[in-house]
């Protein structure tokens, strides 16, 4: 499965730099973020209903997809 590496946008907003790695599942016509790995609570709670708000989850998904798009050219 493809991966993308990017700085956590939620950590960046509070002045921290934490790199995350997203596992992507390409499902035409969509690409789905299936998992996040990294050294912050945002990665640890990704995908959990009680773990984060929809807005926070969407920020992580957008950052992962943007990184994958940049890597693909």
PDB file of N, CA and C in Angstrom:
ATOM      1  N   UNK A   1       0.820  -1.175   0.000  1.00  0.00           N
ATOM      2  CA  UNK A   1       0.000   0.000   0.000  1.00  0.00           C
ATOM      3  C   UNK A   1       0.872   1.248   0.000  1.00  0.00           C
ATOM      4  N   UNK A   2       0.446   2.270  -0.712  1.00  0.00           N
ATOM      5  CA  UNK A   2       1.214   3.517  -0.721  1.00  0.00           C
ATOM      6  C   UNK A   2       1.178   4.218   0.636  1.00  0.00           C
ATOM      7  N   UNK A   3       2.211   5.017   0.879  1.00  0.00           N
ATOM      8  CA  UNK A   3       2.320   5.788   2.112  1.00  0.00           C
ATOM      9  C   UNK A   3       2.625   7.243   1.767  1.00  0.00           C
ATOM     10  N   UNK A   4       2.299   8.131   2.673  1.00  0.00           N
ATOM     11  CA  UNK A   4       2.744   9.522   2.558  1.00  0.00           C
ATOM     12  C   UNK A   4       3.219   9.978   3.929  1.00  0.00           C
ATOM     13  N   UNK A   5       4.238  10.833   3.923  1.00  0.00           N
ATOM     14  CA  UNK A   5       4.802  11.371   5.152  1.00  0.00           C
ATOM     15  C   UNK A   5       4.574  12.876   5.153  1.00  0.00           C
ATOM     16  N   UNK A   6       4.149  13.397   6.313  1.00  0.00           N
ATOM     17  CA  UNK A   6       3.802  14.813   6.393  1.00  0.00           C
ATOM     18  C   UNK A   6       3.825  15.261   7.849  1.00  0.00           C
ATOM     19  N   UNK A   7       3.993  16.564   8.080  1.00  0.00           N
ATOM     20  CA  UNK A   7       3.922  17.064   9.458  1.00  0.00           C
ATOM     21  C   UNK A   7       2.474  17.116   9.930  1.00  0.00           C
ATOM     22  N   UNK A   8       2.240  16.751  11.171  1.00  0.00           N
ATOM     23  CA  UNK A   8       0.885  16.787  11.725  1.00  0.00           C
ATOM     24  C   UNK A   8       0.410  18.241  11.755  1.00  0.00           C
ATOM     25  N   UNK A   9      -0.682  18.559  11.068  1.00  0.00           N
ATOM     26  CA  UNK A   9      -1.166  19.945  11.048  1.00  0.00           C
ATOM     27  C   UNK A   9      -1.700  20.398  12.401  1.00  0.00           C
ATOM     28  N   UNK A  10      -2.188  19.475  13.203  1.00  0.00           N
ATOM     29  CA  UNK A  10      -2.731  19.836  14.515  1.00  0.00           C
ATOM     30  C   UNK A  10      -1.603  20.162  15.491  1.00  0.00           C
ATOM     31  N   UNK A  11      -0.510  19.426  15.432  1.00  0.00           N
ATOM     32  CA  UNK A  11       0.651  19.732  16.265  1.00  0.00           C
ATOM     33  C   UNK A  11       1.297  21.037  15.803  1.00  0.00           C
ATOM     34  N   UNK A  12       1.377  21.215  14.487  1.00  0.00           N
ATOM     35  CA  UNK A  12       1.970  22.431  13.936  1.00  0.00           C
ATOM     36  C   UNK A  12       1.237  23.676  14.444  1.00  0.00           C
ATOM     37  N   UNK A  13      -0.082  23.583  14.566  1.00  0.00           N
ATOM     38  CA  UNK A  13      -0.884  24.718  15.031  1.00  0.00           C
ATOM     39  C   UNK A  13      -0.550  25.137  16.455  1.00  0.00           C
ATOM     40  N   UNK A  14       0.056  24.238  17.241  1.00  0.00           N
ATOM     41  CA  UNK A  14       0.448  24.595  18.612  1.00  0.00           C
ATOM     42  C   UNK A  14       1.971  24.677  18.760  1.00  0.00           C
ATOM     43  N   UNK A  15       2.671  24.791  17.614  1.00  0.00           N
ATOM     44  CA  UNK A  15       4.103  25.026  17.654  1.00  0.00           C
ATOM     45  C   UNK A  15       4.988  23.802  17.761  1.00  0.00           C
ATOM     46  N   UNK A  16       4.442  22.606  17.544  1.00  0.00           N
ATOM     47  CA  UNK A  16       5.244  21.378  17.590  1.00  0.00           C
ATOM     48  C   UNK A  16       5.417  20.831  16.183  1.00  0.00           C
ATOM     49  N   UNK A  17       6.528  20.148  15.951  1.00  0.00           N
ATOM     50  CA  UNK A  17       6.753  19.483  14.673  1.00  0.00           C
ATOM     51  C   UNK A  17       6.792  17.990  14.934  1.00  0.00           C
ATOM     52  N   UNK A  18       5.780  17.293  14.440  1.00  0.00           N
ATOM     53  CA  UNK A  18       5.697  15.837  14.572  1.00  0.00           C
ATOM     54  C   UNK A  18       5.363  15.282  13.188  1.00  0.00           C
ATOM     55  N   UNK A  19       6.211  14.398  12.701  1.00  0.00           N
ATOM     56  CA  UNK A  19       5.964  13.800  11.391  1.00  0.00           C
ATOM     57  C   UNK A  19       5.062  12.576  11.536  1.00  0.00           C
ATOM     58  N   UNK A  20       4.134  12.470  10.602  1.00  0.00           N
ATOM     59  CA  UNK A  20       3.214  11.333  10.560  1.00  0.00           C
ATOM     60  C   UNK A  20       3.412  10.580   9.253  1.00  0.00           C
ATOM     61  N   UNK A  21       3.072   9.300   9.276  1.00  0.00           N
ATOM     62  CA  UNK A  21       3.064   8.503   8.066  1.00  0.00           C
ATOM     63  C   UNK A  21       1.660   7.938   7.892  1.00  0.00           C
ATOM     64  N   UNK A  22       1.093   8.208   6.741  1.00  0.00           N
ATOM     65  CA  UNK A  22      -0.255   7.724   6.440  1.00  0.00           C
ATOM     66  C   UNK A  22      -0.178   6.517   5.529  1.00  0.00           C
ATOM     67  N   UNK A  23      -0.978   5.515   5.827  1.00  0.00           N
ATOM     68  CA  UNK A  23      -1.134   4.374   4.939  1.00  0.00           C
ATOM     69  C   UNK A  23      -2.357   4.670   4.086  1.00  0.00           C
ATOM     70  N   UNK A  24      -2.189   4.568   2.772  1.00  0.00           N
ATOM     71  CA  UNK A  24      -3.249   4.922   1.840  1.00  0.00           C
ATOM     72  C   UNK A  24      -3.742   3.688   1.097  1.00  0.00           C
ATOM     73  N   UNK A  25      -5.016   3.663   0.842  1.00  0.00           N
ATOM     74  CA  UNK A  25      -5.629   2.595   0.054  1.00  0.00           C
ATOM     75  C   UNK A  25      -6.268   3.235  -1.170  1.00  0.00           C
ATOM     76  N   UNK A  26      -5.679   3.020  -2.336  1.00  0.00           N
ATOM     77  CA  UNK A  26      -6.273   3.624  -3.539  1.00  0.00           C
ATOM     78  C   UNK A  26      -7.497   2.833  -3.980  1.00  0.00           C
ATOM     79  N   UNK A  27      -8.628   3.477  -3.905  1.00  0.00           N
ATOM     80  CA  UNK A  27      -9.893   2.884  -4.341  1.00  0.00           C
ATOM     81  C   UNK A  27     -10.475   3.808  -5.404  1.00  0.00           C
ATOM     82  N   UNK A  28     -10.216   3.527  -6.667  1.00  0.00           N
ATOM     83  CA  UNK A  28     -10.716   4.444  -7.697  1.00  0.00           C
ATOM     84  C   UNK A  28     -12.212   4.708  -7.529  1.00  0.00           C
ATOM     85  N   UNK A  29     -12.635   5.949  -7.594  1.00  0.00           N
ATOM     86  CA  UNK A  29     -11.866   7.158  -7.905  1.00  0.00           C
ATOM     87  C   UNK A  29     -11.323   7.850  -6.656  1.00  0.00           C
ATOM     88  N   UNK A  30     -11.352   7.216  -5.497  1.00  0.00           N
ATOM     89  CA  UNK A  30     -10.924   7.832  -4.248  1.00  0.00           C
ATOM     90  C   UNK A  30      -9.628   7.225  -3.736  1.00  0.00           C
ATOM     91  N   UNK A  31      -8.940   7.967  -2.903  1.00  0.00           N
ATOM     92  CA  UNK A  31      -7.818   7.444  -2.120  1.00  0.00           C
ATOM     93  C   UNK A  31      -8.236   7.580  -0.667  1.00  0.00           C
ATOM     94  N   UNK A  32      -8.115   6.518   0.107  1.00  0.00           N
ATOM     95  CA  UNK A  32      -8.575   6.488   1.490  1.00  0.00           C
ATOM     96  C   UNK A  32      -7.380   6.391   2.423  1.00  0.00           C
ATOM     97  N   UNK A  33      -7.378   7.203   3.483  1.00  0.00           N
ATOM     98  CA  UNK A  33      -6.360   7.104   4.525  1.00  0.00           C
ATOM     99  C   UNK A  33      -6.830   6.024   5.489  1.00  0.00           C
ATOM    100  N   UNK A  34      -6.100   4.914   5.563  1.00  0.00           N
ATOM    101  CA  UNK A  34      -6.535   3.791   6.392  1.00  0.00           C
ATOM    102  C   UNK A  34      -5.904   3.777   7.772  1.00  0.00           C
ATOM    103  N   UNK A  35      -4.716   4.424   7.916  1.00  0.00           N
ATOM    104  CA  UNK A  35      -4.036   4.406   9.209  1.00  0.00           C
ATOM    105  C   UNK A  35      -3.027   5.532   9.259  1.00  0.00           C
ATOM    106  N   UNK A  36      -2.772   6.027  10.468  1.00  0.00           N
ATOM    107  CA  UNK A  36      -1.718   7.014  10.697  1.00  0.00           C
ATOM    108  C   UNK A  36      -0.782   6.490  11.769  1.00  0.00           C
ATOM    109  N   UNK A  37       0.512   6.702  11.561  1.00  0.00           N
ATOM    110  CA  UNK A  37       1.534   6.346  12.540  1.00  0.00           C
ATOM    111  C   UNK A  37       2.336   7.595  12.840  1.00  0.00           C
ATOM    112  N   UNK A  38       2.708   7.773  14.086  1.00  0.00           N
ATOM    113  CA  UNK A  38       3.535   8.917  14.444  1.00  0.00           C
ATOM    114  C   UNK A  38       3.581   9.104  15.944  1.00  0.00           C
ATOM    115  N   UNK A  39       4.329  10.109  16.354  1.00  0.00           N
ATOM    116  CA  UNK A  39       4.579  10.316  17.769  1.00  0.00           C
ATOM    117  C   UNK A  39       3.687  11.347  18.424  1.00  0.00           C
ATOM    118  N   UNK A  40       2.418  11.393  18.067  1.00  0.00           N
ATOM    119  CA  UNK A  40       1.515  12.342  18.721  1.00  0.00           C
ATOM    120  C   UNK A  40       0.158  11.687  18.962  1.00  0.00           C
ATOM    121  N   UNK A  41      -0.603  12.318  19.837  1.00  0.00           N
ATOM    122  CA  UNK A  41      -1.929  11.786  20.179  1.00  0.00           C
ATOM    123  C   UNK A  41      -2.885  11.831  18.999  1.00  0.00           C
ATOM    124  N   UNK A  42      -2.637  12.700  18.030  1.00  0.00           N
ATOM    125  CA  UNK A  42      -3.532  12.791  16.873  1.00  0.00           C
ATOM    126  C   UNK A  42      -3.461  11.526  16.017  1.00  0.00           C
ATOM    127  N   UNK A  43      -2.270  10.995  15.846  1.00  0.00           N
ATOM    128  CA  UNK A  43      -2.110   9.745  15.105  1.00  0.00           C
ATOM    129  C   UNK A  43      -2.685   8.585  15.899  1.00  0.00           C
ATOM    130  N   UNK A  44      -2.452   8.599  17.211  1.00  0.00           N
ATOM    131  CA  UNK A  44      -2.910   7.493  18.056  1.00  0.00           C
ATOM    132  C   UNK A  44      -4.422   7.387  18.100  1.00  0.00           C
ATOM    133  N   UNK A  45      -5.121   8.512  17.978  1.00  0.00           N
ATOM    134  CA  UNK A  45      -6.588   8.486  18.078  1.00  0.00           C
ATOM    135  C   UNK A  45      -7.278   8.590  16.724  1.00  0.00           C
ATOM    136  N   UNK A  46      -6.505   8.584  15.633  1.00  0.00           N
ATOM    137  CA  UNK A  46      -7.102   8.695  14.300  1.00  0.00           C
ATOM    138  C   UNK A  46      -8.067   7.544  14.050  1.00  0.00           C
ATOM    139  N   UNK A  47      -9.266   7.877  13.630  1.00  0.00           N
ATOM    140  CA  UNK A  47     -10.272   6.872  13.316  1.00  0.00           C
ATOM    141  C   UNK A  47     -11.136   6.446  14.486  1.00  0.00           C
ATOM    142  N   UNK A  48     -10.827   6.906  15.688  1.00  0.00           N
ATOM    143  CA  UNK A  48     -11.648   6.573  16.847  1.00  0.00           C
ATOM    144  C   UNK A  48     -12.763   7.606  16.983  1.00  0.00           C
ATOM    145  N   UNK A  49     -13.971   7.153  17.207  1.00  0.00           N
ATOM    146  CA  UNK A  49     -15.119   8.040  17.298  1.00  0.00           C
ATOM    147  C   UNK A  49     -14.938   9.082  18.400  1.00  0.00           C
ATOM    148  N   UNK A  50     -14.451   8.675  19.548  1.00  0.00           N
ATOM    149  CA  UNK A  50     -14.271   9.585  20.675  1.00  0.00           C
ATOM    150  C   UNK A  50     -12.910  10.272  20.662  1.00  0.00           C
ATOM    151  N   UNK A  51     -12.033   9.922  19.733  1.00  0.00           N
ATOM    152  CA  UNK A  51     -10.660  10.389  19.767  1.00  0.00           C
ATOM    153  C   UNK A  51     -10.441  11.814  19.329  1.00  0.00           C
ATOM    154  N   UNK A  52     -11.229  12.301  18.369  1.00  0.00           N
ATOM    155  CA  UNK A  52     -11.035  13.642  17.850  1.00  0.00           C
ATOM    156  C   UNK A  52     -12.300  14.108  17.140  1.00  0.00           C
ATOM    157  N   UNK A  53     -12.341  15.395  16.892  1.00  0.00           N
ATOM    158  CA  UNK A  53     -13.509  15.947  16.206  1.00  0.00           C
ATOM    159  C   UNK A  53     -13.433  15.612  14.719  1.00  0.00           C
ATOM    160  N   UNK A  54     -14.533  15.773  14.046  1.00  0.00           N
ATOM    161  CA  UNK A  54     -14.574  15.565  12.593  1.00  0.00           C
ATOM    162  C   UNK A  54     -13.610  16.549  11.910  1.00  0.00           C
ATOM    163  N   UNK A  55     -13.568  17.776  12.391  1.00  0.00           N
ATOM    164  CA  UNK A  55     -12.689  18.784  11.802  1.00  0.00           C
ATOM    165  C   UNK A  55     -11.222  18.390  11.951  1.00  0.00           C
ATOM    166  N   UNK A  56     -10.854  17.885  13.117  1.00  0.00           N
ATOM    167  CA  UNK A  56      -9.472  17.455  13.332  1.00  0.00           C
ATOM    168  C   UNK A  56      -9.127  16.274  12.430  1.00  0.00           C
ATOM    169  N   UNK A  57     -10.026  15.302  12.347  1.00  0.00           N
ATOM    170  CA  UNK A  57      -9.796  14.138  11.481  1.00  0.00           C
ATOM    171  C   UNK A  57      -9.667  14.574  10.027  1.00  0.00           C
ATOM    172  N   UNK A  58     -10.509  15.503   9.613  1.00  0.00           N
ATOM    173  CA  UNK A  58     -10.457  15.960   8.224  1.00  0.00           C
ATOM    174  C   UNK A  58      -9.157  16.698   7.933  1.00  0.00           C
ATOM    175  N   UNK A  59      -8.646  17.481   8.889  1.00  0.00           N
ATOM    176  CA  UNK A  59      -7.360  18.159   8.701  1.00  0.00           C
ATOM    177  C   UNK A  59      -6.242  17.144   8.488  1.00  0.00           C
ATOM    178  N   UNK A  60      -6.269  16.044   9.236  1.00  0.00           N
ATOM    179  CA  UNK A  60      -5.258  14.993   9.087  1.00  0.00           C
ATOM    180  C   UNK A  60      -5.381  14.308   7.729  1.00  0.00           C
ATOM    181  N   UNK A  61      -6.600  14.016   7.325  1.00  0.00           N
ATOM    182  CA  UNK A  61      -6.835  13.360   6.032  1.00  0.00           C
ATOM    183  C   UNK A  61      -6.373  14.257   4.891  1.00  0.00           C
ATOM    184  N   UNK A  62      -6.740  15.536   4.930  1.00  0.00           N
ATOM    185  CA  UNK A  62      -6.332  16.460   3.880  1.00  0.00           C
ATOM    186  C   UNK A  62      -4.811  16.580   3.794  1.00  0.00           C
ATOM    187  N   UNK A  63      -4.147  16.658   4.947  1.00  0.00           N
ATOM    188  CA  UNK A  63      -2.687  16.761   4.954  1.00  0.00           C
ATOM    189  C   UNK A  63      -2.048  15.509   4.353  1.00  0.00           C
ATOM    190  N   UNK A  64      -2.579  14.336   4.678  1.00  0.00           N
ATOM    191  CA  UNK A  64      -2.052  13.075   4.130  1.00  0.00           C
ATOM    192  C   UNK A  64      -2.256  13.011   2.624  1.00  0.00           C
ATOM    193  N   UNK A  65      -3.427  13.394   2.160  1.00  0.00           N
ATOM    194  CA  UNK A  65      -3.715  13.344   0.719  1.00  0.00           C
ATOM    195  C   UNK A  65      -2.904  14.390  -0.042  1.00  0.00           C
ATOM    196  N   UNK A  66      -2.724  15.572   0.544  1.00  0.00           N
ATOM    197  CA  UNK A  66      -1.886  16.594  -0.098  1.00  0.00           C
ATOM    198  C   UNK A  66      -0.444  16.109  -0.245  1.00  0.00           C
ATOM    199  N   UNK A  67       0.070  15.470   0.812  1.00  0.00           N
ATOM    200  CA  UNK A  67       1.441  14.943   0.758  1.00  0.00           C
ATOM    201  C   UNK A  67       1.564  13.856  -0.315  1.00  0.00           C
ATOM    202  N   UNK A  68       0.572  12.991  -0.406  1.00  0.00           N
ATOM    203  CA  UNK A  68       0.588  11.930  -1.419  1.00  0.00           C
ATOM    204  C   UNK A  68       0.518  12.522  -2.822  1.00  0.00           C
ATOM    205  N   UNK A  69      -0.283  13.549  -2.993  1.00  0.00           N
ATOM    206  CA  UNK A  69      -0.409  14.210  -4.295  1.00  0.00           C
ATOM    207  C   UNK A  69       0.896  14.883  -4.710  1.00  0.00           C
ATOM    208  N   UNK A  70       1.562  15.555  -3.761  1.00  0.00           N
ATOM    209  CA  UNK A  70       2.849  16.190  -4.049  1.00  0.00           C
ATOM    210  C   UNK A  70       3.903  15.141  -4.423  1.00  0.00           C
ATOM    211  N   UNK A  71       3.893  14.015  -3.718  1.00  0.00           N
ATOM    212  CA  UNK A  71       4.875  12.957  -3.991  1.00  0.00           C
ATOM    213  C   UNK A  71       4.657  12.322  -5.355  1.00  0.00           C
ATOM    214  N   UNK A  72       3.379  12.263  -5.785  1.00  0.00           N
ATOM    215  CA  UNK A  72       3.057  11.654  -7.078  1.00  0.00           C
ATOM    216  C   UNK A  72       3.381  12.594  -8.242  1.00  0.00           C
ATOM    217  N   UNK A  73       3.586  13.865  -7.940  1.00  0.00           N
ATOM    218  CA  UNK A  73       3.968  14.820  -8.980  1.00  0.00           C
ATOM    219  C   UNK A  73       2.816  15.616  -9.408  1.00  0.00           C
TER     220      UNK A  73
END
